[in-house]
C-alpha atoms as a PDB file:
ATOM      1  CA  MET A   1      93.106 100.469 114.653  1.00  0.00           C
ATOM      2  CA  GLU A   2      96.481 101.985 115.431  1.00  0.00           C
ATOM      3  CA  LYS A   3      98.388 103.251 112.431  1.00  0.00           C
ATOM      4  CA  SER A   4     101.637 101.579 111.450  1.00  0.00           C
ATOM      5  CA  ARG A   5     104.912 103.445 111.685  1.00  0.00           C
ATOM      6  CA  LEU A   6     105.057 103.831 107.911  1.00  0.00           C
ATOM      7  CA  GLU A   7     101.480 105.149 107.784  1.00  0.00           C
ATOM      8  CA  GLN A   8     102.329 107.763 110.410  1.00  0.00           C
ATOM      9  CA  GLN A   9     105.436 108.798 108.487  1.00  0.00           C
ATOM     10  CA  PHE A  10     103.511 109.205 105.255  1.00  0.00           C
ATOM     11  CA  ASP A  11     100.782 111.138 107.087  1.00  0.00           C
ATOM     12  CA  PHE A  12     103.420 113.662 108.138  1.00  0.00           C
ATOM     13  CA  ILE A  13     105.096 113.739 104.726  1.00  0.00           C
ATOM     14  CA  LEU A  14     101.758 114.405 103.012  1.00  0.00           C
ATOM     15  CA  GLU A  15     100.847 117.082 105.560  1.00  0.00           C
ATOM     16  CA  ALA A  16     104.230 118.728 104.971  1.00  0.00           C
ATOM     17  CA  ASP A  17     103.241 119.191 101.323  1.00  0.00           C
ATOM     18  CA  LYS A  18     100.963 121.999 102.525  1.00  0.00           C
ATOM     19  CA  GLU A  19     104.081 124.048 103.233  1.00  0.00           C
ATOM     20  CA  LYS A  20     104.220 124.675  99.484  1.00  0.00           C
ATOM     21  CA  SER A  21     101.009 126.711  99.818  1.00  0.00           C
ATOM     22  CA  ILE A  22     102.188 129.017 102.616  1.00  0.00           C
ATOM     23  CA  TYR A  23     103.268 132.197 100.860  1.00  0.00           C
ATOM     24  CA  ARG A  24     105.706 134.689 102.337  1.00  0.00           C
ATOM     25  CA  GLN A  25     106.041 138.435 101.740  1.00  0.00           C
ATOM     26  CA  THR A  26     109.370 137.861  99.989  1.00  0.00           C
ATOM     27  CA  ARG A  27     109.337 137.652  96.205  1.00  0.00           C
ATOM     28  CA  LEU A  28     111.384 135.236  94.142  1.00  0.00           C
ATOM     29  CA  SER A  29     114.282 136.656  92.163  1.00  0.00           C
ATOM     30  CA  ASN A  30     111.990 137.025  89.127  1.00  0.00           C
ATOM     31  CA  GLY A  31     110.387 139.912  91.023  1.00  0.00           C
ATOM     32  CA  VAL A  32     106.861 138.628  90.401  1.00  0.00           C
ATOM     33  CA  ASP A  33     106.069 135.396  92.224  1.00  0.00           C
ATOM     34  CA  ARG A  34     105.968 135.164  95.991  1.00  0.00           C
ATOM     35  CA  GLU A  35     108.228 132.686  97.728  1.00  0.00           C
ATOM     36  CA  ASN A  36     106.514 129.884  99.634  1.00  0.00           C
ATOM     37  CA  ASP A  37     107.794 128.221 102.787  1.00  0.00           C
ATOM     38  CA  ALA A  38     109.075 125.171 100.908  1.00  0.00           C
ATOM     39  CA  ASP A  39     111.034 127.417  98.515  1.00  0.00           C
ATOM     40  CA  HIS A  40     112.491 129.209 101.512  1.00  0.00           C
ATOM     41  CA  ALA A  41     113.529 126.014 103.315  1.00  0.00           C
ATOM     42  CA  TRP A  42     115.122 124.508 100.191  1.00  0.00           C
ATOM     43  CA  HIS A  43     117.037 127.694  99.455  1.00  0.00           C
ATOM     44  CA  MET A  44     118.301 127.951 103.039  1.00  0.00           C
ATOM     45  CA  ALA A  45     119.354 124.279 103.011  1.00  0.00           C
ATOM     46  CA  LEU A  46     121.381 124.874  99.843  1.00  0.00           C
ATOM     47  CA  MET A  47     122.933 127.970 101.406  1.00  0.00           C
ATOM     48  CA  CYS A  48     123.875 125.968 104.487  1.00  0.00           C
ATOM     49  CA  ILE A  49     125.694 123.363 102.414  1.00  0.00           C
ATOM     50  CA  LEU A  50     127.556 126.009 100.414  1.00  0.00           C
ATOM     51  CA  LEU A  51     128.224 128.598 103.119  1.00  0.00           C
ATOM     52  CA  SER A  52     128.831 126.545 106.267  1.00  0.00           C
ATOM     53  CA  GLU A  53     132.528 127.454 106.115  1.00  0.00           C
ATOM     54  CA  TYR A  54     131.528 130.975 107.224  1.00  0.00           C
ATOM     55  CA  ALA A  55     129.880 129.857 110.464  1.00  0.00           C
ATOM     56  CA  ASN A  56     131.451 131.459 113.529  1.00  0.00           C
ATOM     57  CA  GLU A  57     131.792 128.006 115.092  1.00  0.00           C
ATOM     58  CA  LYS A  58     132.147 124.534 113.632  1.00  0.00           C
ATOM     59  CA  ILE A  59     128.685 123.139 112.892  1.00  0.00           C
ATOM     60  CA  ASP A  60     127.150 119.779 112.078  1.00  0.00           C
ATOM     61  CA  VAL A  61     125.917 120.589 108.567  1.00  0.00           C
ATOM     62  CA  LEU A  62     123.433 117.717 108.337  1.00  0.00           C
ATOM     63  CA  ARG A  63     121.906 118.653 111.683  1.00  0.00           C
ATOM     64  CA  THR A  64     121.646 122.276 110.584  1.00  0.00           C
ATOM     65  CA  VAL A  65     120.087 121.348 107.236  1.00  0.00           C
ATOM     66  CA  SER A  66     117.594 119.103 109.046  1.00  0.00           C
ATOM     67  CA  MET A  67     116.693 121.989 111.362  1.00  0.00           C
ATOM     68  CA  ILE A  68     116.253 124.320 108.394  1.00  0.00           C
ATOM     69  CA  LEU A  69     113.999 121.898 106.521  1.00  0.00           C
ATOM     70  CA  ILE A  70     111.556 121.547 109.419  1.00  0.00           C
ATOM     71  CA  HIS A  71     111.705 124.992 111.038  1.00  0.00           C
ATOM     72  CA  ASP A  72     108.728 126.512 109.196  1.00  0.00           C
ATOM     73  CA  ILE A  73     106.448 123.463 109.025  1.00  0.00           C
ATOM     74  CA  VAL A  74     104.495 124.961 111.936  1.00  0.00           C
ATOM     75  CA  GLU A  75     103.315 127.669 109.536  1.00  0.00           C
ATOM     76  CA  ILE A  76     100.997 125.106 107.933  1.00  0.00           C
ATOM     77  CA  ASP A  77      98.730 125.801 110.916  1.00  0.00           C
ATOM     78  CA  ALA A  78     100.125 129.085 112.236  1.00  0.00           C
ATOM     79  CA  GLY A  79     100.542 130.910 108.935  1.00  0.00           C
ATOM     80  CA  ASP A  80     103.514 133.025 107.925  1.00  0.00           C
ATOM     81  CA  THR A  81     104.252 135.931 110.253  1.00  0.00           C
ATOM     82  CA  TYR A  82     105.726 138.922 108.465  1.00  0.00           C
ATOM     83  CA  ALA A  83     108.896 140.119 110.150  1.00  0.00           C
ATOM     84  CA  TYR A  84     107.630 143.689 110.580  1.00  0.00           C
ATOM     85  CA  ASP A  85     103.980 143.056 111.510  1.00  0.00           C
ATOM     86  CA  LYS A  86     103.815 143.963 115.215  1.00  0.00           C
ATOM     87  CA  SER A  87     100.282 142.643 115.704  1.00  0.00           C
ATOM     88  CA  ALA A  88     101.023 139.237 114.161  1.00  0.00           C
ATOM     89  CA  LEU A  89     104.347 138.989 115.985  1.00  0.00           C
ATOM     90  CA  SER A  90     102.554 139.378 119.322  1.00  0.00           C
ATOM     91  CA  THR A  91     100.669 136.093 118.789  1.00  0.00           C
ATOM     92  CA  GLN A  92     103.309 134.213 116.774  1.00  0.00           C
ATOM     93  CA  ARG A  93     104.757 132.147 119.614  1.00  0.00           C
ATOM     94  CA  GLU A  94     101.368 130.965 120.845  1.00  0.00           C
ATOM     95  CA  ARG A  95     100.198 130.011 117.348  1.00  0.00           C
ATOM     96  CA  GLU A  96     103.402 128.189 116.493  1.00  0.00           C
ATOM     97  CA  LEU A  97     103.571 126.230 119.750  1.00  0.00           C
ATOM     98  CA  LYS A  98     100.057 124.937 119.146  1.00  0.00           C
ATOM     99  CA  ALA A  99     100.969 124.020 115.567  1.00  0.00           C
ATOM    100  CA  ALA A 100     104.143 122.215 116.644  1.00  0.00           C
ATOM    101  CA  GLY A 101     102.112 120.149 119.085  1.00  0.00           C
ATOM    102  CA  ARG A 102      99.845 118.882 116.317  1.00  0.00           C
ATOM    103  CA  LEU A 103     102.158 118.587 113.333  1.00  0.00           C
ATOM    104  CA  TYR A 104     105.219 116.870 114.769  1.00  0.00           C
ATOM    105  CA  ASN A 105     102.997 114.452 116.684  1.00  0.00           C
ATOM    106  CA  LEU A 106     101.708 113.048 113.402  1.00  0.00           C
ATOM    107  CA  LEU A 107     105.006 111.132 113.354  1.00  0.00           C
ATOM    108  CA  PRO A 108     105.932 108.010 115.324  1.00  0.00           C
ATOM    109  CA  PRO A 109     106.908 109.062 118.873  1.00  0.00           C
ATOM    110  CA  ASP A 110     110.686 108.766 118.406  1.00  0.00           C
ATOM    111  CA  GLN A 111     110.694 110.891 115.255  1.00  0.00           C
ATOM    112  CA  ALA A 112     108.146 113.314 116.713  1.00  0.00           C
ATOM    113  CA  LYS A 113     110.476 113.860 119.662  1.00  0.00           C
ATOM    114  CA  LYS A 114     113.522 114.298 117.414  1.00  0.00           C
ATOM    115  CA  LEU A 115     111.946 116.817 115.031  1.00  0.00           C
ATOM    116  CA  ARG A 116     110.241 118.747 117.819  1.00  0.00           C
ATOM    117  CA  ALA A 117     113.602 118.989 119.604  1.00  0.00           C
ATOM    118  CA  LEU A 118     115.184 120.378 116.424  1.00  0.00           C
ATOM    119  CA  TRP A 119     112.394 122.947 116.125  1.00  0.00           C
ATOM    120  CA  ASP A 120     112.804 123.961 119.762  1.00  0.00           C
ATOM    121  CA  GLU A 121     116.568 124.219 119.252  1.00  0.00           C
ATOM    122  CA  PHE A 122     116.077 126.546 116.281  1.00  0.00           C
ATOM    123  CA  GLU A 123     113.623 128.691 118.234  1.00  0.00           C
ATOM    124  CA  GLU A 124     115.950 128.996 121.226  1.00  0.00           C
ATOM    125  CA  GLY A 125     118.931 129.878 119.013  1.00  0.00           C
ATOM    126  CA  LYS A 126     121.529 128.797 121.558  1.00  0.00           C
ATOM    127  CA  THR A 127     123.566 126.130 119.732  1.00  0.00           C
ATOM    128  CA  PRO A 128     126.073 126.822 116.929  1.00  0.00           C
ATOM    129  CA  GLU A 129     123.743 125.040 114.491  1.00  0.00           C
ATOM    130  CA  ALA A 130     120.703 127.059 115.538  1.00  0.00           C
ATOM    131  CA  ARG A 131     122.625 130.327 115.448  1.00  0.00           C
ATOM    132  CA  PHE A 132     123.851 129.612 111.910  1.00  0.00           C
ATOM    133  CA  ALA A 133     120.392 128.508 110.750  1.00  0.00           C
ATOM    134  CA  ARG A 134     118.905 131.723 112.104  1.00  0.00           C
ATOM    135  CA  THR A 135     121.601 133.735 110.327  1.00  0.00           C
ATOM    136  CA  LEU A 136     120.574 132.140 107.041  1.00  0.00           C
ATOM    137  CA  ASP A 137     116.908 132.736 107.882  1.00  0.00           C
ATOM    138  CA  ASN A 138     117.654 136.467 107.920  1.00  0.00           C
ATOM    139  CA  VAL A 139     120.221 136.679 105.118  1.00  0.00           C
ATOM    140  CA  GLN A 140     118.175 134.721 102.546  1.00  0.00           C
ATOM    141  CA  PRO A 141     115.178 137.109 102.435  1.00  0.00           C
ATOM    142  CA  ALA A 142     117.505 140.143 102.483  1.00  0.00           C
ATOM    143  CA  MET A 143     119.226 138.727  99.393  1.00  0.00           C
ATOM    144  CA  LEU A 144     115.909 138.212  97.585  1.00  0.00           C
ATOM    145  CA  ASN A 145     114.565 141.608  98.613  1.00  0.00           C
ATOM    146  CA  SER A 146     117.704 143.218  97.234  1.00  0.00           C
ATOM    147  CA  ALA A 147     117.535 141.139  94.029  1.00  0.00           C
ATOM    148  CA  THR A 148     113.973 142.392  93.422  1.00  0.00           C
ATOM    149  CA  ASP A 149     114.967 146.065  93.764  1.00  0.00           C
ATOM    150  CA  GLY A 150     113.589 146.197  97.298  1.00  0.00           C
ATOM    151  CA  VAL A 151     109.985 146.060  96.112  1.00  0.00           C
ATOM    152  CA  GLU A 152     108.608 144.585  99.345  1.00  0.00           C
ATOM    153  CA  TRP A 153     110.724 146.886 101.499  1.00  0.00           C
ATOM    154  CA  VAL A 154     109.131 149.744  99.573  1.00  0.00           C
ATOM    155  CA  ASN A 155     105.600 148.291  99.735  1.00  0.00           C
ATOM    156  CA  HIS A 156     105.822 147.891 103.521  1.00  0.00           C
ATOM    157  CA  ARG A 157     107.745 151.145 104.075  1.00  0.00           C
ATOM    158  CA  VAL A 158     110.427 149.251 105.985  1.00  0.00           C
ATOM    159  CA  ARG A 159     112.900 151.351 107.926  1.00  0.00           C
ATOM    160  CA  LEU A 160     116.586 150.628 108.465  1.00  0.00           C
ATOM    161  CA  SER A 161     116.051 150.632 112.228  1.00  0.00           C
ATOM    162  CA  GLN A 162     113.508 147.813 111.831  1.00  0.00           C
ATOM    163  CA  ILE A 163     115.959 145.763 109.780  1.00  0.00           C
ATOM    164  CA  LEU A 164     118.780 146.323 112.246  1.00  0.00           C
ATOM    165  CA  THR A 165     116.531 145.313 115.145  1.00  0.00           C
ATOM    166  CA  ARG A 166     115.398 142.225 113.251  1.00  0.00           C
ATOM    167  CA  ASN A 167     119.038 141.336 112.570  1.00  0.00           C
ATOM    168  CA  LYS A 168     120.476 142.109 115.994  1.00  0.00           C
ATOM    169  CA  ASN A 169     121.538 138.459 116.425  1.00  0.00           C
ATOM    170  CA  THR A 170     122.336 137.624 112.797  1.00  0.00           C
ATOM    171  CA  ALA A 171     126.084 137.973 113.300  1.00  0.00           C
ATOM    172  CA  ASP A 172     125.931 135.429 116.151  1.00  0.00           C
ATOM    173  CA  GLY A 173     125.866 132.618 113.608  1.00  0.00           C
ATOM    174  CA  SER A 174     128.167 134.186 111.047  1.00  0.00           C
ATOM    175  CA  ALA A 175     129.774 137.596 111.328  1.00  0.00           C
ATOM    176  CA  ALA A 176     131.003 137.244 107.741  1.00  0.00           C
ATOM    177  CA  LEU A 177     127.554 136.570 106.286  1.00  0.00           C
ATOM    178  CA  TRP A 178     125.952 139.384 108.275  1.00  0.00           C
ATOM    179  CA  GLU A 179     128.630 141.819 107.075  1.00  0.00           C
ATOM    180  CA  TYR A 180     128.149 140.671 103.480  1.00  0.00           C
ATOM    181  CA  SER A 181     124.378 140.981 103.782  1.00  0.00           C
ATOM    182  CA  TYR A 182     124.611 144.462 105.255  1.00  0.00           C
ATOM    183  CA  GLN A 183     127.119 145.760 102.715  1.00  0.00           C
ATOM    184  CA  HIS A 184     125.627 144.123  99.599  1.00  0.00           C
ATOM    185  CA  PHE A 185     121.884 143.813 100.276  1.00  0.00           C
ATOM    186  CA  ILE A 186     120.863 146.349 102.903  1.00  0.00           C
ATOM    187  CA  LYS A 187     123.116 149.409 102.663  1.00  0.00           C
ATOM    188  CA  PRO A 188     122.744 149.834  98.854  1.00  0.00           C
ATOM    189  CA  ASN A 189     118.956 149.798  99.250  1.00  0.00           C
ATOM    190  CA  VAL A 190     119.128 152.507 101.907  1.00  0.00           C
ATOM    191  CA  GLU A 191     121.224 154.565  99.513  1.00  0.00           C
ATOM    192  CA  LYS A 192     118.667 154.005  96.729  1.00  0.00           C
ATOM    193  CA  GLY A 193     115.781 154.911  99.032  1.00  0.00           C
ATOM    194  CA  ARG A 194     114.227 151.432  98.923  1.00  0.00           C
ATOM    195  CA  ILE A 195     114.751 151.167 102.688  1.00  0.00           C
ATOM    196  CA  LEU A 196     113.861 154.241 104.707  1.00  0.00           C
ATOM    197  CA  GLY A 197     116.975 155.429 106.506  1.00  0.00           C
ATOM    198  CA  ASP A 198     116.374 156.577 110.058  1.00  0.00           C
ATOM    199  CA  VAL A 199     119.730 156.164 111.747  1.00  0.00           C
ATOM    200  CA  GLU A 200     122.644 158.514 111.278  1.00  0.00           C
ATOM    201  CA  SER A 201     125.449 156.165 110.347  1.00  0.00           C
ATOM    202  CA  LEU A 202     125.566 153.412 107.750  1.00  0.00           C
END
Protein backbone atom coordinates (compact mmCIF):
# COMPACT_ATOMS: atom_id res chain seq x y z
CA MET A 1 0.00 0.00 0.00
CA GLU A 2 1.38 3.38 -0.99
CA LYS A 3 2.20 5.67 1.89
CA SER A 4 0.23 8.87 2.34
CA ARG A 5 1.91 12.23 1.93
CA LEU A 6 1.87 12.80 5.68
CA GLU A 7 3.39 9.36 6.34
CA GLN A 8 6.21 10.12 3.91
CA GLN A 9 6.84 13.47 5.57
CA PHE A 10 7.01 11.93 9.02
CA ASP A 11 9.30 9.17 7.71
CA PHE A 12 11.75 11.86 6.63
CA ILE A 13 11.36 13.89 9.83
CA LEU A 14 12.04 10.80 11.96
CA GLU A 15 15.03 9.83 9.81
CA ALA A 16 16.39 13.36 10.18
CA ASP A 17 16.52 12.79 13.94
CA LYS A 18 19.57 10.61 13.29
CA GLU A 19 21.49 13.78 12.45
CA LYS A 20 21.70 14.35 16.21
CA SER A 21 23.95 11.28 16.44
CA ILE A 22 26.47 12.33 13.77
CA TYR A 23 29.37 13.81 15.71
CA ARG A 24 31.85 16.26 14.23
CA GLN A 25 35.48 16.93 15.16
CA THR A 26 34.52 20.37 16.46
CA ARG A 27 33.91 20.71 20.19
CA LEU A 28 31.16 22.78 21.76
CA SER A 29 32.18 25.96 23.54
CA ASN A 30 32.36 24.03 26.83
CA GLY A 31 35.53 22.46 25.42
CA VAL A 32 34.40 18.93 26.30
CA ASP A 33 31.44 17.72 24.26
CA ARG A 34 31.62 17.21 20.52
CA GLU A 35 29.21 19.09 18.30
CA ASN A 36 26.74 16.99 16.33
CA ASP A 37 25.35 17.82 12.90
CA ALA A 38 22.05 19.06 14.31
CA ASP A 39 23.90 21.41 16.69
CA HIS A 40 25.91 22.68 13.74
CA ALA A 41 22.87 23.29 11.52
CA TRP A 42 20.94 25.08 14.29
CA HIS A 43 23.90 27.29 15.12
CA MET A 44 24.47 28.19 11.47
CA ALA A 45 20.76 28.97 11.01
CA LEU A 46 20.88 31.36 13.98
CA MET A 47 24.03 32.96 12.57
CA CYS A 48 22.31 33.43 9.22
CA ILE A 49 19.39 35.26 10.81
CA LEU A 50 21.69 37.50 12.84
CA LEU A 51 24.51 38.08 10.36
CA SER A 52 22.77 38.20 6.97
CA GLU A 53 23.43 41.95 6.80
CA TYR A 54 27.11 41.10 6.17
CA ALA A 55 26.45 39.05 3.04
CA ASN A 56 28.27 40.41 -0.01
CA GLU A 57 24.99 40.33 -1.94
CA LYS A 58 21.37 40.58 -0.88
CA ILE A 59 20.12 37.13 0.09
CA ASP A 60 16.79 35.44 0.73
CA VAL A 61 17.29 34.64 4.42
CA LEU A 62 14.57 31.99 4.63
CA ARG A 63 15.95 30.20 1.58
CA THR A 64 19.44 30.32 3.07
CA VAL A 65 18.26 29.05 6.45
CA SER A 66 16.38 26.23 4.71
CA MET A 67 19.55 25.30 2.81
CA ILE A 68 21.57 25.34 6.03
CA LEU A 69 19.10 23.13 7.89
CA ILE A 70 19.22 20.38 5.26
CA HIS A 71 22.80 20.61 3.99
CA ASP A 72 24.29 17.96 6.29
CA ILE A 73 21.39 15.49 6.40
CA VAL A 74 23.31 13.36 3.89
CA GLU A 75 25.81 12.64 6.67
CA ILE A 76 23.24 10.32 8.25
CA ASP A 77 24.39 7.81 5.62
CA ALA A 78 27.70 9.29 4.49
CA GLY A 79 29.13 10.18 7.89
CA ASP A 80 30.94 13.39 8.78
CA THR A 81 34.03 14.09 6.69
CA TYR A 82 36.71 15.96 8.59
CA ALA A 83 37.89 19.01 6.70
CA TYR A 84 41.55 17.97 6.77
CA ASP A 85 41.25 14.21 6.19
CA LYS A 86 42.56 13.73 2.64
CA SER A 87 41.52 10.08 2.41
CA ALA A 88 37.93 10.72 3.51
CA LEU A 89 37.67 13.82 1.32
CA SER A 90 38.53 11.72 -1.75
CA THR A 91 35.33 9.67 -1.34
CA GLN A 92 33.08 12.36 0.17
CA ARG A 93 31.25 13.35 -3.01
CA GLU A 94 30.42 9.77 -3.97
CA ARG A 95 29.17 8.91 -0.48
CA GLU A 96 27.07 12.04 -0.17
CA LEU A 97 25.47 11.73 -3.60
CA LYS A 98 24.34 8.21 -2.75
CA ALA A 99 22.98 9.42 0.60
CA ALA A 100 21.11 12.32 -1.00
CA GLY A 101 19.45 9.91 -3.40
CA ARG A 102 18.04 7.85 -0.54
CA LEU A 103 17.28 10.43 2.13
CA TYR A 104 15.54 13.20 0.20
CA ASN A 105 13.49 10.62 -1.69
CA LEU A 106 11.82 9.58 1.55
CA LEU A 107 9.71 12.71 1.04
CA PRO A 108 6.77 13.20 -1.32
CA PRO A 109 8.13 13.88 -4.83
CA ASP A 110 7.56 17.65 -4.82
CA GLN A 111 9.32 18.14 -1.49
CA ALA A 112 12.04 15.64 -2.41
CA LYS A 113 12.76 17.69 -5.52
CA LYS A 114 12.76 20.97 -3.59
CA LEU A 115 15.10 19.84 -0.81
CA ARG A 116 17.42 18.00 -3.19
CA ALA A 117 17.65 21.17 -5.30
CA LEU A 118 18.59 23.17 -2.19
CA TRP A 119 21.28 20.62 -1.33
CA ASP A 120 22.65 20.72 -4.86
CA GLU A 121 22.62 24.53 -4.75
CA PHE A 122 24.64 24.52 -1.52
CA GLU A 123 27.13 22.04 -2.97
CA GLU A 124 27.61 24.06 -6.15
CA GLY A 125 28.06 27.31 -4.21
CA LYS A 126 27.10 29.54 -7.12
CA THR A 127 24.14 31.56 -5.81
CA PRO A 128 24.37 34.38 -3.24
CA GLU A 129 22.48 32.20 -0.75
CA ALA A 130 24.78 29.22 -1.25
CA ARG A 131 27.90 31.37 -1.04
CA PHE A 132 26.73 32.90 2.25
CA ALA A 133 25.72 29.51 3.67
CA ARG A 134 29.15 28.13 2.81
CA THR A 135 30.79 31.13 4.48
CA LEU A 136 28.91 30.34 7.68
CA ASP A 137 29.82 26.66 7.31
CA ASN A 138 33.48 27.67 7.57
CA VAL A 139 33.23 30.52 10.08
CA GLN A 140 31.14 28.61 12.65
CA PRO A 141 33.68 25.82 13.33
CA ALA A 142 36.55 28.35 13.33
CA MET A 143 34.71 30.27 16.05
CA LEU A 144 34.21 27.13 18.15
CA ASN A 145 37.77 25.94 17.63
CA SER A 146 39.03 29.31 18.81
CA ALA A 147 36.63 29.32 21.78
CA THR A 148 38.03 25.95 22.90
CA ASP A 149 41.65 27.16 22.83
CA GLY A 150 42.24 25.44 19.50
CA VAL A 151 42.20 21.98 21.05
CA GLU A 152 41.17 20.17 17.86
CA TRP A 153 43.56 22.21 15.73
CA VAL A 154 46.28 21.04 18.10
CA ASN A 155 45.08 17.42 18.18
CA HIS A 156 45.07 17.22 14.37
CA ARG A 157 48.24 19.30 13.94
CA VAL A 158 46.40 21.63 11.56
CA ARG A 159 48.55 24.03 9.58
CA LEU A 160 47.66 27.58 8.57
CA SER A 161 48.10 26.66 4.91
CA GLN A 162 45.42 23.97 5.30
CA ILE A 163 43.01 26.47 6.85
CA LEU A 164 43.66 29.05 4.16
CA THR A 165 43.11 26.45 1.44
CA ARG A 166 39.91 25.30 3.12
CA ASN A 167 38.73 28.91 3.31
CA LYS A 168 39.78 30.04 -0.16
CA ASN A 169 36.14 30.78 -1.07
CA THR A 170 34.87 31.89 2.34
CA ALA A 171 35.04 35.58 1.47
CA ASP A 172 32.83 34.95 -1.59
CA GLY A 173 29.77 34.94 0.65
CA SER A 174 30.91 37.61 3.08
CA ALA A 175 34.22 39.42 2.97
CA ALA A 176 33.41 40.98 6.35
CA LEU A 177 32.80 37.66 8.10
CA TRP A 178 35.91 36.07 6.59
CA GLU A 179 38.03 39.03 7.73
CA TYR A 180 36.53 38.84 11.22
CA SER A 181 37.10 35.09 11.37
CA TYR A 182 40.70 35.42 10.24
CA GLN A 183 41.56 38.27 12.60
CA HIS A 184 39.69 36.99 15.68
CA PHE A 185 39.69 33.19 15.40
CA ILE A 186 42.55 32.09 13.17
CA LYS A 187 45.42 34.57 13.46
CA PRO A 188 45.46 34.63 17.31
CA ASN A 189 45.70 30.82 17.34
CA VAL A 190 48.66 30.92 14.96
CA GLU A 191 50.31 33.39 17.31
CA LYS A 192 49.62 31.10 20.28
CA GLY A 193 50.94 28.07 18.42
CA ARG A 194 47.57 26.29 18.35
CA ILE A 195 47.68 26.40 14.54
CA LEU A 196 51.01 25.53 12.95
CA GLY A 197 52.19 28.52 10.95
CA ASP A 198 53.75 27.64 7.62
CA VAL A 199 53.31 30.76 5.53
CA GLU A 200 55.41 33.87 5.91
CA SER A 201 52.81 36.58 6.29
CA LEU A 202 49.79 36.77 8.57
